[in-house]
Protein backbone atom coordinates (compact mmCIF):
# COMPACT_ATOMS: atom_id res chain seq x y z
CA MET A 1 -19.03 6.96 49.08
CA SER A 2 -21.18 3.97 47.89
CA ALA A 3 -19.79 0.76 47.03
CA THR A 4 -20.19 1.14 43.40
CA ALA A 5 -18.08 4.75 43.67
CA VAL A 6 -15.40 2.67 45.43
CA GLN A 7 -15.50 -0.17 42.89
CA ASN A 8 -14.87 2.52 40.20
CA LYS A 9 -12.28 4.64 41.44
CA GLY A 10 -9.12 4.57 39.16
CA ARG A 11 -10.92 2.65 36.58
CA THR A 12 -11.60 3.42 32.69
CA ALA A 13 -15.02 4.12 32.48
CA LEU A 14 -14.96 4.69 28.78
CA GLU A 15 -12.50 4.04 25.68
CA VAL A 16 -12.64 5.16 22.70
CA THR A 17 -10.05 4.17 19.79
CA GLY A 18 -10.25 5.57 16.38
CA LEU A 19 -13.64 6.12 16.35
CA GLY A 20 -15.29 7.22 13.34
CA ARG A 21 -19.03 7.66 11.47
CA ARG A 22 -19.35 8.57 7.93
CA TYR A 23 -22.70 8.87 6.16
CA GLY A 24 -22.12 8.84 2.26
CA ARG A 25 -18.36 10.02 1.72
CA ARG A 26 -19.03 12.64 4.64
CA TRP A 27 -17.35 11.96 7.90
CA VAL A 28 -19.29 13.67 11.04
CA LEU A 29 -16.82 11.96 13.32
CA ARG A 30 -13.64 11.13 12.63
CA ASP A 31 -10.48 9.22 14.62
CA ALA A 32 -11.65 10.05 18.06
CA THR A 33 -9.13 8.36 20.52
CA PHE A 34 -9.74 9.08 24.35
CA ARG A 35 -10.20 7.76 27.84
CA LEU A 36 -12.62 8.91 30.07
CA PRO A 37 -11.81 7.51 33.96
CA ALA A 38 -14.60 6.49 35.92
CA GLY A 39 -16.59 8.80 38.40
CA ARG A 40 -16.02 11.87 36.43
CA VAL A 41 -18.66 14.59 34.88
CA CYS A 42 -17.64 15.36 31.40
CA GLY A 43 -18.55 18.07 29.15
CA LEU A 44 -18.73 17.20 25.47
CA VAL A 45 -18.52 20.42 23.49
CA GLY A 46 -18.42 21.30 19.56
CA PRO A 47 -20.01 23.23 16.77
CA ASN A 48 -23.35 21.84 15.46
CA GLY A 49 -22.50 19.02 13.08
CA ALA A 50 -19.24 18.21 14.84
CA GLY A 51 -20.40 14.70 15.78
CA LYS A 52 -21.38 14.75 19.37
CA THR A 53 -24.92 13.33 19.33
CA THR A 54 -23.33 10.42 16.59
CA MET A 55 -20.59 9.62 19.35
CA LEU A 56 -23.06 9.44 22.07
CA GLU A 57 -25.16 7.07 20.03
CA ILE A 58 -22.50 5.18 19.00
CA ILE A 59 -21.17 4.76 22.97
CA ALA A 60 -25.31 3.81 23.75
CA GLY A 61 -25.35 1.17 21.05
CA LEU A 62 -27.96 3.04 19.22
CA ARG A 63 -25.77 3.49 16.11
CA THR A 64 -22.47 1.09 14.55
CA ALA A 65 -19.47 3.09 14.11
CA SER A 66 -17.82 3.09 10.48
CA ALA A 67 -14.02 3.05 11.96
CA GLY A 68 -12.77 2.16 15.50
CA GLU A 69 -14.40 1.35 18.44
CA ALA A 70 -15.82 2.25 21.97
CA ARG A 71 -15.68 0.35 24.90
CA VAL A 72 -17.52 0.60 28.43
CA PHE A 73 -16.00 -0.48 31.36
CA GLY A 74 -13.92 -3.03 29.06
CA GLU A 75 -16.78 -4.30 26.92
CA PRO A 76 -17.93 -3.49 23.82
CA ALA A 77 -20.39 -0.62 23.25
CA GLY A 78 -23.48 -2.26 21.85
CA GLY A 79 -23.31 -5.48 23.73
CA ALA A 80 -25.16 -6.75 26.32
CA GLU A 81 -23.22 -5.93 29.41
CA ALA A 82 -22.40 -2.39 27.88
CA ARG A 83 -26.02 -1.74 27.49
CA ARG A 84 -26.66 -2.48 30.93
CA ARG A 85 -24.25 -0.27 32.62
CA VAL A 86 -25.23 2.72 30.17
CA ALA A 87 -28.56 5.28 30.51
CA PHE A 88 -28.65 7.54 27.47
CA LEU A 89 -31.19 10.73 27.69
CA PRO A 90 -31.52 12.14 24.13
CA GLN A 91 -32.43 15.89 23.52
CA GLU A 92 -35.92 14.85 22.44
CA LYS A 93 -36.78 13.17 25.90
CA PRO A 94 -38.21 9.88 25.38
CA LEU A 95 -41.60 10.30 27.77
CA PHE A 96 -45.05 9.93 26.96
CA PRO A 97 -47.24 12.87 27.45
CA ARG A 98 -50.69 10.87 28.35
CA PHE A 99 -48.83 8.51 31.05
CA THR A 100 -48.56 9.76 34.64
CA VAL A 101 -45.12 10.11 36.24
CA ALA A 102 -45.84 6.95 38.37
CA GLU A 103 -46.81 5.09 34.69
CA THR A 104 -43.51 6.16 33.64
CA LEU A 105 -41.50 4.92 36.33
CA ARG A 106 -43.02 1.63 36.08
CA VAL A 107 -42.56 1.46 32.31
CA GLY A 108 -38.54 1.72 33.39
CA ARG A 109 -39.20 -0.94 36.23
CA GLU A 110 -40.38 -3.32 33.79
CA LEU A 111 -37.58 -2.63 31.17
CA ASN A 112 -34.50 -2.56 33.40
CA PRO A 113 -33.84 -5.56 35.27
CA TYR A 114 -31.68 -3.76 38.04
CA TRP A 115 -34.28 -0.66 38.16
CA ASP A 116 -34.01 1.27 41.64
CA GLN A 117 -37.66 2.34 42.30
CA ALA A 118 -36.92 4.22 45.61
CA LEU A 119 -33.96 6.11 43.68
CA ALA A 120 -36.19 7.14 40.88
CA GLU A 121 -39.31 8.15 43.00
CA ASP A 122 -36.90 9.95 45.55
CA PHE A 123 -35.58 11.76 42.72
CA VAL A 124 -38.83 13.09 41.62
CA ARG A 125 -40.34 14.09 44.90
CA ALA A 126 -37.06 15.96 45.38
CA GLY A 127 -38.33 18.30 42.73
CA SER A 128 -41.89 18.50 43.99
CA ILE A 129 -43.54 16.74 41.18
CA ASP A 130 -46.70 14.95 42.09
CA LEU A 131 -46.33 11.14 41.15
CA ASP A 132 -49.95 11.02 39.60
CA ALA A 133 -49.26 14.11 37.43
CA LYS A 134 -49.71 13.70 33.50
CA VAL A 135 -46.64 14.15 31.93
CA GLY A 136 -47.72 16.11 29.29
CA ARG A 137 -48.75 18.73 31.71
CA LEU A 138 -45.50 19.44 33.49
CA SER A 139 -43.17 22.27 32.77
CA GLY A 140 -39.72 21.53 30.84
CA GLY A 141 -38.04 21.44 34.07
CA GLN A 142 -40.19 19.03 35.65
CA ARG A 143 -40.11 16.75 32.71
CA THR A 144 -35.96 17.01 32.55
CA ARG A 145 -36.18 15.97 36.08
CA VAL A 146 -38.54 12.79 35.42
CA ALA A 147 -36.54 11.93 32.51
CA LEU A 148 -33.53 11.97 34.36
CA ALA A 149 -34.97 10.10 37.41
CA VAL A 150 -35.66 7.07 34.54
CA ALA A 151 -32.07 7.22 33.44
CA LEU A 152 -30.84 7.18 37.00
CA GLY A 153 -33.63 4.22 38.07
CA LYS A 154 -31.54 2.19 35.67
CA ARG A 155 -28.60 2.27 38.17
CA PRO A 156 -26.21 2.78 35.37
CA ASP A 157 -22.22 3.08 35.84
CA LEU A 158 -22.23 5.64 32.78
CA VAL A 159 -24.97 8.31 32.07
CA LEU A 160 -24.95 9.72 28.47
CA LEU A 161 -26.89 13.18 28.31
CA ASP A 162 -27.49 15.18 24.86
CA GLU A 163 -27.96 18.69 25.76
CA PRO A 164 -30.17 18.19 28.41
CA LEU A 165 -30.57 21.53 30.29
CA ALA A 166 -30.90 23.31 26.66
CA ASP A 167 -34.61 24.27 27.27
CA LEU A 168 -34.67 25.08 30.87
CA ASP A 169 -34.57 28.47 32.31
CA PRO A 170 -31.21 29.40 34.71
CA LEU A 171 -32.64 28.86 37.88
CA VAL A 172 -34.64 25.25 36.87
CA ARG A 173 -31.00 24.70 35.26
CA ARG A 174 -29.24 24.97 38.54
CA GLN A 175 -31.65 23.06 40.46
CA THR A 176 -31.50 20.30 38.15
CA VAL A 177 -27.79 20.16 37.65
CA THR A 178 -27.20 20.42 41.77
CA ALA A 179 -29.57 17.40 42.18
CA LEU A 180 -27.92 15.24 39.28
CA LEU A 181 -24.57 16.07 40.72
CA GLY A 182 -25.44 15.05 44.15
CA GLU A 183 -26.32 11.51 42.53
CA VAL A 184 -23.24 11.39 41.03
CA ALA A 185 -21.36 12.15 43.84
CA GLU A 186 -23.23 9.80 45.82
CA ARG A 187 -22.99 6.70 43.23
CA GLY A 188 -19.92 7.35 41.65
CA ILE A 189 -21.59 7.44 38.34
CA THR A 190 -19.57 8.45 35.21
CA VAL A 191 -21.70 11.06 33.50
CA LEU A 192 -21.16 12.44 29.59
CA LEU A 193 -22.67 15.04 28.95
CA SER A 194 -23.25 17.30 25.44
CA SER A 195 -23.54 20.93 26.06
CA HIS A 196 -23.62 24.20 24.32
CA LEU A 197 -23.73 26.06 27.83
CA VAL A 198 -19.93 27.04 27.62
CA ALA A 199 -20.25 29.74 30.12
CA GLU A 200 -21.33 27.25 32.71
CA LEU A 201 -19.20 23.96 32.02
CA ASP A 202 -17.14 24.81 35.32
CA THR A 203 -19.62 24.55 37.65
CA LEU A 204 -21.11 21.25 35.61
CA CYS A 205 -17.92 19.42 34.62
CA ASP A 206 -14.68 18.47 35.76
CA TYR A 207 -13.56 16.79 32.62
CA LEU A 208 -13.86 18.08 28.90
CA LEU A 209 -13.89 16.70 25.54
CA LEU A 210 -14.09 19.01 22.49
CA VAL A 211 -14.69 17.90 18.72
CA ALA A 212 -14.61 20.17 15.96
CA GLU A 213 -14.42 19.71 12.11
CA GLY A 214 -15.09 15.92 12.82
CA GLY A 215 -12.34 15.12 15.26
CA LEU A 216 -11.24 15.81 18.44
CA ARG A 217 -9.31 18.68 19.63
CA LEU A 218 -9.04 18.39 23.34
CA ALA A 219 -9.66 15.62 26.26
CA GLY A 220 -8.93 15.64 29.74
CA ASP A 221 -9.23 16.81 32.97
CA VAL A 222 -10.21 20.72 33.25
CA ASP A 223 -7.70 21.75 35.62
CA GLU A 224 -4.93 20.19 33.89
CA LEU A 225 -6.31 21.85 30.76
CA ILE A 226 -6.49 25.28 32.42
CA SER A 227 -2.85 24.61 33.93
CA VAL A 228 -1.17 24.00 30.36
CA HIS A 229 -2.55 27.27 29.26
CA SER A 230 -1.57 31.03 29.26
CA VAL A 231 -3.40 34.17 28.41
CA LEU A 232 -0.79 36.60 27.62
CA SER A 233 -1.34 40.14 26.82
CA ALA A 234 0.37 43.55 26.32
CA PRO A 235 -0.26 46.91 24.64
CA THR A 236 -0.58 47.03 20.77
CA ASP A 237 1.57 49.70 20.19
CA ARG A 238 4.69 47.94 22.01
CA THR A 239 4.09 44.65 20.26
CA ARG A 240 6.43 43.17 17.32
CA THR A 241 5.96 40.88 14.71
CA GLY A 242 8.83 38.88 13.28
CA PRO A 243 9.51 38.11 9.49
CA ASP A 244 6.96 35.34 9.22
CA GLY A 245 4.40 38.14 10.62
CA ARG A 246 4.09 36.08 14.28
CA LEU A 247 4.03 38.19 17.22
CA ALA A 248 7.59 38.61 18.44
CA GLY A 249 8.17 36.56 21.93
CA LEU A 250 5.83 33.97 21.12
CA GLU A 251 8.52 31.75 19.04
CA HIS A 252 8.85 28.78 21.79
CA HIS A 253 4.79 28.69 22.48
CA THR A 254 2.30 27.27 20.97
CA VAL A 255 -0.31 29.79 20.03
CA VAL A 256 -3.91 29.13 19.88
CA GLU A 257 -5.42 32.52 19.13
CA THR A 258 -4.52 35.95 19.41
CA HIS A 259 -6.94 39.10 19.18
CA THR A 260 -6.48 42.91 19.26
CA GLU A 261 -9.18 44.83 20.90
CA HIS A 262 -8.88 48.47 22.94
CA HIS A 263 -5.38 48.73 21.84
CA HIS A 264 -4.40 45.62 23.75
CA THR A 265 -3.04 42.47 22.13
CA THR A 266 -3.72 39.25 23.75
CA ALA A 267 -3.05 35.56 23.06
CA LEU A 268 -3.98 32.19 24.43
CA VAL A 269 -0.69 30.01 24.36
CA ARG A 270 0.27 26.78 25.26
CA PRO A 271 3.61 27.66 26.80
CA GLY A 272 6.62 25.96 25.61
CA GLY A 273 9.16 27.37 28.25
CA PRO A 274 9.68 30.88 29.85
CA VAL A 275 7.06 33.55 29.01
CA ASP A 276 9.15 36.84 27.88
CA PRO A 277 8.47 39.25 30.59
CA PHE A 278 7.45 41.88 27.98
CA TRP A 279 4.01 39.92 28.10
CA ASP A 280 1.62 40.11 31.25
CA GLU A 281 0.56 36.68 32.24
CA THR A 282 -2.54 35.36 33.57
CA PRO A 283 -4.30 32.08 33.95
CA PRO A 284 -7.35 31.31 31.12
CA THR A 285 -10.90 30.67 32.44
CA LEU A 286 -12.16 27.39 30.82
CA GLU A 287 -14.60 29.51 28.82
CA GLU A 288 -11.72 31.02 27.02
CA ILE A 289 -9.99 28.15 26.06
CA VAL A 290 -12.95 26.34 24.53
CA LEU A 291 -14.11 29.42 22.46
CA ALA A 292 -10.68 29.74 21.33
CA TYR A 293 -10.27 26.22 20.27
CA LEU A 294 -13.94 26.16 18.37
CA GLN A 295 -12.86 29.16 16.60
CA GLN A 296 -9.52 28.25 15.53
CA SER A 297 -8.45 24.93 13.79
CA SER A 298 -4.85 25.23 13.62
CA PRO A 299 -3.40 24.27 17.20
CA PRO A 300 -2.81 20.60 17.46
CA PRO A 301 -4.81 18.47 19.32
CA LEU A 302 -4.03 18.28 23.30
CA ILE A 303 -4.82 15.22 25.16
CA SER A 304 -4.37 14.90 28.79
CA PRO A 305 -2.63 12.35 30.49
CA ASP A 306 -5.47 10.53 31.99
CA SER A 307 -7.28 10.71 28.78
CA HIS A 308 -4.26 9.57 26.39
CA VAL A 309 -4.75 6.16 24.88
CA PRO A 310 -1.42 4.21 24.51
CA GLY A 311 -0.45 4.34 20.75
CA ALA A 312 -2.51 7.63 19.96
CA GLY A 313 -0.17 10.17 18.32
CA SER A 314 -2.23 13.49 19.79
CA GLU A 315 0.07 15.70 21.99
CA ALA A 316 -0.11 14.99 25.79
CA ALA A 317 -0.67 17.80 28.45
CA GLN A 318 2.38 17.98 30.81
């Protein structure tokens, strides 16, 4: 483990309190409050327009908040020290097509006082990319690797990635993720990446933030979030509904979503006690949890203990 990894262990990389951004009368992000421990790879998911890019831009210091604040390793986002420790890679990768790869890395070296030329070059060469190649002639996967090399060469403690893998085919995506996670593990970097690749989140991330309808819905360690949910199923012809129209046997649980398919009724719940043996109980996948919270707005937000900010009112995972 590198010295940076040891130094960051147990620290908070990012703390966001009451963060919001408004355009005119419309809030695209509202009252986001969470902590992100250092050294984690965190997926930021949500529907289009939920405020994911806005949040990343505020953290990177590229946009001001209308409410609340974000702090990077204790420093205000946008300040000189926070900017030094953050690298941001937007979806539209900031590369010049006419530059060679070597020239692109040279720009990174000129703009960043703590630049690591060896790290950037090694990351590029590991993808079998010629340093003399023109950026405009590279494939999508190769351009993504070059852009990541520039971000990592800055030697940041926090890397913000906005849909970095969206335009890659599955094989190149896997190769790029493997390379990125290798650097993260070696150097103790914290990563916050927005992604629509819900099915691949469990291989990409060990932490999760889910935003929807302008607010934060889920935050925490992936294993913890999975552990406090259960999938309950039973034959539809044996289920009963109570006077309030809800399924019987679920009164003491927080019901996230229910649906019926092929004569079987399934419910994703946060158990509030023992589960009625009438139901078959199985653990959910991360994809099932994410899709349910994206589709349903009624369950209260769930913030795991590691993500909880003292004084915040969101429910903590137990």
